[in-house]
C-alpha cells in the first residue's frame, strides 16, 4: 500500500494511516482496518471514505501444488456522489484491474519466498 497516503487524504479514508501489527485484528493501512483474521484461512479488511463503505475479504484454501487465494469485495455507494464514484471506479473497470494487480502482487511475493 505504498503511496496510498495522498489518495487516502483526497478521499478522506478511515482509517487514514498505518498502525498496529500487520494482519492482526485492529491493525490498519490507509483505507483499511483488519476486521478479522484467521491464520491460513482468511483476512477481512474494512474501511470507508467520502463516497463509499467497503470490505475486502481474502480467503485461502489448500489446492494441488499450493494455496488458492481469492478476494471478494463488497461496497455501498450512498448518495449522488457515491453513485458517481461507483460509475467512475466500477463502471470503468478500474476496480477489477486494481484488485487483479493486487492478487498478482501477492502471488509474486508468495512464490518468491
N, C-alpha and C. Protein backbone atom coordinates (compact mmCIF):
# COMPACT_ATOMS: atom_id res chain seq x y z
N UNK A 1 0.83 -1.20 0.00
CA UNK A 1 0.00 0.00 0.00
C UNK A 1 0.86 1.26 0.00
N UNK A 2 2.08 1.15 -0.49
CA UNK A 2 2.93 2.33 -0.56
C UNK A 2 2.30 3.34 -1.51
N UNK A 3 2.42 4.60 -1.16
CA UNK A 3 1.85 5.64 -2.00
C UNK A 3 0.37 5.88 -1.76
N UNK A 4 -0.23 5.16 -0.81
CA UNK A 4 -1.66 5.32 -0.56
C UNK A 4 -1.96 6.57 0.25
N UNK A 5 -0.97 7.17 0.90
CA UNK A 5 -1.20 8.34 1.74
C UNK A 5 -1.89 9.49 1.04
N UNK A 6 -1.38 9.95 -0.11
CA UNK A 6 -2.05 11.06 -0.79
C UNK A 6 -3.48 10.73 -1.22
N UNK A 7 -3.70 9.53 -1.74
CA UNK A 7 -5.05 9.13 -2.13
C UNK A 7 -5.96 9.04 -0.91
N UNK A 8 -5.44 8.51 0.20
CA UNK A 8 -6.22 8.43 1.44
C UNK A 8 -6.65 9.83 1.88
N UNK A 9 -5.77 10.80 1.74
CA UNK A 9 -6.10 12.17 2.13
C UNK A 9 -7.18 12.75 1.22
N UNK A 10 -7.05 12.58 -0.10
CA UNK A 10 -8.02 13.11 -1.05
C UNK A 10 -9.40 12.51 -0.82
N UNK A 11 -9.45 11.18 -0.62
CA UNK A 11 -10.74 10.50 -0.43
C UNK A 11 -11.28 10.66 0.98
N UNK A 12 -10.45 11.03 1.94
CA UNK A 12 -10.89 11.13 3.32
C UNK A 12 -11.13 9.76 3.93
N UNK A 13 -10.20 8.84 3.70
CA UNK A 13 -10.40 7.48 4.18
C UNK A 13 -10.39 7.39 5.70
N UNK A 14 -11.03 6.36 6.18
CA UNK A 14 -10.99 5.99 7.59
C UNK A 14 -10.80 4.49 7.64
N UNK A 15 -9.64 4.05 8.08
CA UNK A 15 -8.52 4.79 8.67
C UNK A 15 -7.65 5.47 7.61
N UNK A 16 -6.90 6.43 8.07
CA UNK A 16 -6.07 7.20 7.15
C UNK A 16 -4.60 6.79 7.19
N UNK A 17 -4.16 6.19 8.30
CA UNK A 17 -2.74 5.84 8.46
C UNK A 17 -2.55 4.38 8.85
N UNK A 18 -1.34 3.89 8.67
CA UNK A 18 -0.98 2.54 9.09
C UNK A 18 -0.73 2.52 10.59
N UNK A 19 -1.15 1.42 11.23
CA UNK A 19 -0.90 1.24 12.65
C UNK A 19 -1.02 -0.24 13.00
N UNK A 20 -0.47 -0.60 14.15
CA UNK A 20 -0.62 -1.96 14.65
C UNK A 20 0.29 -2.96 13.97
N UNK A 21 0.06 -4.22 14.32
CA UNK A 21 0.83 -5.34 13.78
C UNK A 21 0.10 -5.84 12.53
N UNK A 22 0.80 -5.89 11.37
CA UNK A 22 0.13 -6.32 10.14
C UNK A 22 -0.63 -7.64 10.30
N UNK A 23 -1.82 -7.65 9.73
CA UNK A 23 -2.72 -8.81 9.69
C UNK A 23 -3.25 -9.23 11.05
N UNK A 24 -3.11 -8.38 12.06
CA UNK A 24 -3.73 -8.62 13.36
C UNK A 24 -5.01 -7.77 13.43
N UNK A 25 -6.11 -8.32 13.98
CA UNK A 25 -7.32 -7.51 14.09
C UNK A 25 -7.03 -6.16 14.75
N UNK A 26 -7.56 -5.11 14.13
CA UNK A 26 -7.35 -3.75 14.61
C UNK A 26 -6.22 -3.03 13.90
N UNK A 27 -5.31 -3.75 13.27
CA UNK A 27 -4.22 -3.12 12.52
C UNK A 27 -4.82 -2.36 11.33
N UNK A 28 -4.13 -1.33 10.88
CA UNK A 28 -4.64 -0.52 9.77
C UNK A 28 -3.55 -0.23 8.74
N UNK A 29 -4.00 0.02 7.53
CA UNK A 29 -3.23 0.63 6.45
C UNK A 29 -4.16 1.69 5.87
N UNK A 30 -3.64 2.65 5.12
CA UNK A 30 -4.54 3.69 4.60
C UNK A 30 -5.75 3.09 3.87
N UNK A 31 -6.92 3.41 4.39
CA UNK A 31 -8.16 2.96 3.76
C UNK A 31 -8.74 1.67 4.29
N UNK A 32 -7.96 0.91 5.09
CA UNK A 32 -8.44 -0.40 5.55
C UNK A 32 -8.04 -0.68 6.99
N UNK A 33 -8.92 -1.36 7.70
CA UNK A 33 -8.61 -1.89 9.03
C UNK A 33 -8.85 -3.39 8.99
N UNK A 34 -8.02 -4.15 9.69
CA UNK A 34 -8.21 -5.60 9.76
C UNK A 34 -9.37 -5.86 10.71
N UNK A 35 -10.50 -6.32 10.15
CA UNK A 35 -11.70 -6.61 10.95
C UNK A 35 -11.67 -8.03 11.48
N UNK A 36 -11.05 -8.94 10.74
CA UNK A 36 -10.96 -10.33 11.17
C UNK A 36 -9.76 -10.97 10.50
N UNK A 37 -9.13 -11.90 11.21
CA UNK A 37 -8.01 -12.63 10.65
C UNK A 37 -7.98 -14.02 11.26
N UNK A 38 -7.96 -15.02 10.42
CA UNK A 38 -7.83 -16.41 10.84
C UNK A 38 -6.63 -16.97 10.07
N UNK A 39 -5.51 -17.21 10.76
CA UNK A 39 -4.30 -17.67 10.07
C UNK A 39 -4.58 -18.83 9.11
N UNK A 40 -4.00 -18.71 7.93
CA UNK A 40 -4.09 -19.72 6.87
C UNK A 40 -5.53 -19.94 6.38
N UNK A 41 -6.45 -19.02 6.72
CA UNK A 41 -7.84 -19.17 6.28
C UNK A 41 -8.41 -17.91 5.66
N UNK A 42 -8.37 -16.77 6.40
CA UNK A 42 -8.96 -15.55 5.84
C UNK A 42 -8.45 -14.31 6.52
N UNK A 43 -8.56 -13.19 5.79
CA UNK A 43 -8.33 -11.85 6.31
C UNK A 43 -9.45 -10.98 5.75
N UNK A 44 -10.13 -10.27 6.64
CA UNK A 44 -11.21 -9.36 6.22
C UNK A 44 -10.80 -7.93 6.58
N UNK A 45 -10.78 -7.08 5.56
CA UNK A 45 -10.44 -5.67 5.74
C UNK A 45 -11.68 -4.83 5.50
N UNK A 46 -11.86 -3.80 6.30
CA UNK A 46 -13.00 -2.91 6.12
C UNK A 46 -12.51 -1.46 6.13
N UNK A 47 -13.30 -0.58 5.55
CA UNK A 47 -12.95 0.84 5.56
C UNK A 47 -14.07 1.67 4.97
N UNK A 48 -13.80 2.95 4.92
CA UNK A 48 -14.77 3.87 4.32
C UNK A 48 -14.05 5.15 3.90
N UNK A 49 -14.71 5.88 3.01
CA UNK A 49 -14.23 7.21 2.63
C UNK A 49 -15.44 8.05 2.23
N UNK A 50 -15.20 9.21 1.71
CA UNK A 50 -16.29 10.16 1.42
C UNK A 50 -17.41 9.57 0.54
N UNK A 51 -17.07 8.61 -0.31
CA UNK A 51 -18.03 8.14 -1.30
C UNK A 51 -18.47 6.69 -1.13
N UNK A 52 -17.88 5.97 -0.18
CA UNK A 52 -18.15 4.53 -0.10
C UNK A 52 -17.82 3.96 1.28
N UNK A 53 -18.51 2.85 1.60
CA UNK A 53 -18.16 1.97 2.72
C UNK A 53 -17.88 0.62 2.09
N UNK A 54 -16.83 -0.07 2.53
CA UNK A 54 -16.43 -1.26 1.80
C UNK A 54 -15.74 -2.30 2.68
N UNK A 55 -15.66 -3.51 2.15
CA UNK A 55 -14.94 -4.61 2.79
C UNK A 55 -14.23 -5.40 1.69
N UNK A 56 -13.09 -5.95 2.04
CA UNK A 56 -12.31 -6.79 1.14
C UNK A 56 -11.92 -8.02 1.95
N UNK A 57 -12.37 -9.18 1.49
CA UNK A 57 -12.10 -10.43 2.21
C UNK A 57 -11.23 -11.33 1.35
N UNK A 58 -10.09 -11.69 1.89
CA UNK A 58 -9.19 -12.65 1.25
C UNK A 58 -9.42 -14.00 1.91
N UNK A 59 -9.60 -15.04 1.10
CA UNK A 59 -9.71 -16.39 1.65
C UNK A 59 -8.62 -17.25 1.03
N UNK A 60 -8.13 -18.18 1.82
CA UNK A 60 -7.10 -19.12 1.38
C UNK A 60 -7.63 -20.53 1.51
N UNK A 61 -7.32 -21.37 0.54
CA UNK A 61 -7.74 -22.77 0.57
C UNK A 61 -6.63 -23.62 -0.02
N UNK A 62 -6.44 -24.79 0.56
CA UNK A 62 -5.45 -25.73 0.04
C UNK A 62 -5.82 -26.10 -1.39
N UNK A 63 -4.81 -26.18 -2.24
CA UNK A 63 -5.01 -26.55 -3.65
C UNK A 63 -3.83 -27.41 -4.06
N UNK A 64 -4.01 -28.24 -5.09
CA UNK A 64 -2.88 -29.06 -5.55
C UNK A 64 -1.67 -28.18 -5.87
N UNK A 65 -0.56 -28.47 -5.25
CA UNK A 65 0.67 -27.73 -5.50
C UNK A 65 0.79 -26.41 -4.77
N UNK A 66 -0.14 -26.07 -3.89
CA UNK A 66 -0.01 -24.80 -3.18
C UNK A 66 -1.28 -24.37 -2.49
N UNK A 67 -1.55 -23.09 -2.56
CA UNK A 67 -2.70 -22.48 -1.89
C UNK A 67 -3.43 -21.60 -2.88
N UNK A 68 -4.76 -21.66 -2.85
CA UNK A 68 -5.59 -20.81 -3.70
C UNK A 68 -6.00 -19.58 -2.88
N UNK A 69 -5.73 -18.40 -3.42
CA UNK A 69 -6.12 -17.15 -2.79
C UNK A 69 -7.24 -16.54 -3.60
N UNK A 70 -8.30 -16.13 -2.93
CA UNK A 70 -9.37 -15.43 -3.63
C UNK A 70 -9.70 -14.16 -2.86
N UNK A 71 -10.29 -13.21 -3.56
CA UNK A 71 -10.66 -11.94 -2.95
C UNK A 71 -12.10 -11.62 -3.31
N UNK A 72 -12.83 -11.13 -2.33
CA UNK A 72 -14.23 -10.72 -2.54
C UNK A 72 -14.37 -9.31 -2.00
N UNK A 73 -14.96 -8.44 -2.80
CA UNK A 73 -15.19 -7.07 -2.36
C UNK A 73 -16.67 -6.83 -2.21
N UNK A 74 -17.00 -5.99 -1.25
CA UNK A 74 -18.37 -5.55 -1.01
C UNK A 74 -18.31 -4.05 -0.78
N UNK A 75 -19.29 -3.33 -1.29
CA UNK A 75 -19.26 -1.89 -1.10
C UNK A 75 -20.66 -1.30 -1.21
N UNK A 76 -20.84 -0.20 -0.51
CA UNK A 76 -22.05 0.62 -0.62
C UNK A 76 -21.59 2.01 -1.06
N UNK A 77 -22.36 2.62 -1.94
CA UNK A 77 -22.02 3.94 -2.50
C UNK A 77 -23.21 4.87 -2.28
N UNK A 78 -23.37 5.38 -1.06
CA UNK A 78 -24.56 6.19 -0.75
C UNK A 78 -24.56 7.57 -1.42
N UNK A 79 -25.75 8.03 -1.73
CA UNK A 79 -25.94 9.38 -2.25
C UNK A 79 -25.49 9.56 -3.69
N UNK A 80 -25.76 10.75 -4.23
CA UNK A 80 -25.41 11.02 -5.62
C UNK A 80 -23.89 11.01 -5.86
N UNK A 81 -23.10 11.49 -4.91
CA UNK A 81 -21.64 11.45 -5.08
C UNK A 81 -21.14 10.01 -5.06
N UNK A 82 -21.73 9.17 -4.23
CA UNK A 82 -21.37 7.77 -4.19
C UNK A 82 -21.70 7.07 -5.50
N UNK A 83 -22.86 7.38 -6.06
CA UNK A 83 -23.24 6.78 -7.35
C UNK A 83 -22.27 7.21 -8.45
N UNK A 84 -21.89 8.47 -8.45
CA UNK A 84 -20.94 8.95 -9.46
C UNK A 84 -19.58 8.28 -9.28
N UNK A 85 -19.14 8.15 -8.05
CA UNK A 85 -17.86 7.49 -7.77
C UNK A 85 -17.92 6.03 -8.22
N UNK A 86 -19.03 5.35 -7.94
CA UNK A 86 -19.19 3.95 -8.37
C UNK A 86 -19.09 3.84 -9.89
N UNK A 87 -19.76 4.72 -10.59
CA UNK A 87 -19.69 4.71 -12.04
C UNK A 87 -18.25 4.90 -12.52
N UNK A 88 -17.54 5.82 -11.90
CA UNK A 88 -16.16 6.10 -12.28
C UNK A 88 -15.25 4.89 -12.01
N UNK A 89 -15.33 4.32 -10.81
CA UNK A 89 -14.39 3.26 -10.40
C UNK A 89 -14.82 1.88 -10.88
N UNK A 90 -16.07 1.52 -10.67
CA UNK A 90 -16.55 0.19 -11.05
C UNK A 90 -16.87 0.16 -12.54
N UNK A 91 -17.61 1.14 -13.00
CA UNK A 91 -18.03 1.17 -14.40
C UNK A 91 -16.89 1.24 -15.39
N UNK A 92 -15.79 1.85 -14.99
CA UNK A 92 -14.65 1.98 -15.90
C UNK A 92 -13.79 0.72 -15.96
N UNK A 93 -13.99 -0.21 -15.02
CA UNK A 93 -13.15 -1.40 -14.95
C UNK A 93 -11.90 -1.20 -14.10
N UNK A 94 -11.72 0.00 -13.55
CA UNK A 94 -10.53 0.29 -12.75
C UNK A 94 -10.45 -0.62 -11.52
N UNK A 95 -11.58 -0.85 -10.87
CA UNK A 95 -11.59 -1.70 -9.68
C UNK A 95 -11.10 -3.11 -10.00
N UNK A 96 -11.59 -3.67 -11.09
CA UNK A 96 -11.18 -5.02 -11.50
C UNK A 96 -9.68 -5.08 -11.75
N UNK A 97 -9.15 -4.06 -12.41
CA UNK A 97 -7.71 -4.03 -12.69
C UNK A 97 -6.89 -3.88 -11.41
N UNK A 98 -7.34 -3.04 -10.49
CA UNK A 98 -6.61 -2.82 -9.24
C UNK A 98 -6.59 -4.09 -8.40
N UNK A 99 -7.74 -4.75 -8.27
CA UNK A 99 -7.79 -6.00 -7.48
C UNK A 99 -6.96 -7.08 -8.17
N UNK A 100 -7.02 -7.17 -9.48
CA UNK A 100 -6.21 -8.14 -10.21
C UNK A 100 -4.72 -7.90 -9.98
N UNK A 101 -4.31 -6.66 -10.01
CA UNK A 101 -2.91 -6.32 -9.77
C UNK A 101 -2.51 -6.69 -8.34
N UNK A 102 -3.41 -6.42 -7.39
CA UNK A 102 -3.14 -6.76 -6.00
C UNK A 102 -2.94 -8.27 -5.84
N UNK A 103 -3.80 -9.07 -6.47
CA UNK A 103 -3.67 -10.53 -6.37
C UNK A 103 -2.38 -11.01 -7.05
N UNK A 104 -2.02 -10.43 -8.18
CA UNK A 104 -0.76 -10.81 -8.85
C UNK A 104 0.44 -10.46 -7.98
N UNK A 105 0.39 -9.30 -7.30
CA UNK A 105 1.48 -8.91 -6.41
C UNK A 105 1.61 -9.89 -5.24
N UNK A 106 0.48 -10.29 -4.68
CA UNK A 106 0.51 -11.27 -3.58
C UNK A 106 1.11 -12.58 -4.09
N UNK A 107 0.69 -13.02 -5.28
CA UNK A 107 1.22 -14.26 -5.84
C UNK A 107 2.73 -14.18 -6.05
N UNK A 108 3.16 -13.07 -6.63
CA UNK A 108 4.60 -12.91 -6.89
C UNK A 108 5.39 -12.96 -5.58
N UNK A 109 4.92 -12.29 -4.56
CA UNK A 109 5.62 -12.29 -3.28
C UNK A 109 5.59 -13.66 -2.62
N UNK A 110 4.48 -14.36 -2.74
CA UNK A 110 4.36 -15.70 -2.13
C UNK A 110 5.26 -16.70 -2.82
N UNK A 111 5.35 -16.64 -4.14
CA UNK A 111 6.14 -17.60 -4.91
C UNK A 111 7.63 -17.39 -4.67
N UNK A 112 8.05 -16.16 -4.42
CA UNK A 112 9.48 -15.88 -4.24
C UNK A 112 9.97 -16.20 -2.84
N UNK A 113 9.09 -16.56 -1.95
CA UNK A 113 9.51 -16.86 -0.56
C UNK A 113 9.84 -18.31 -0.40
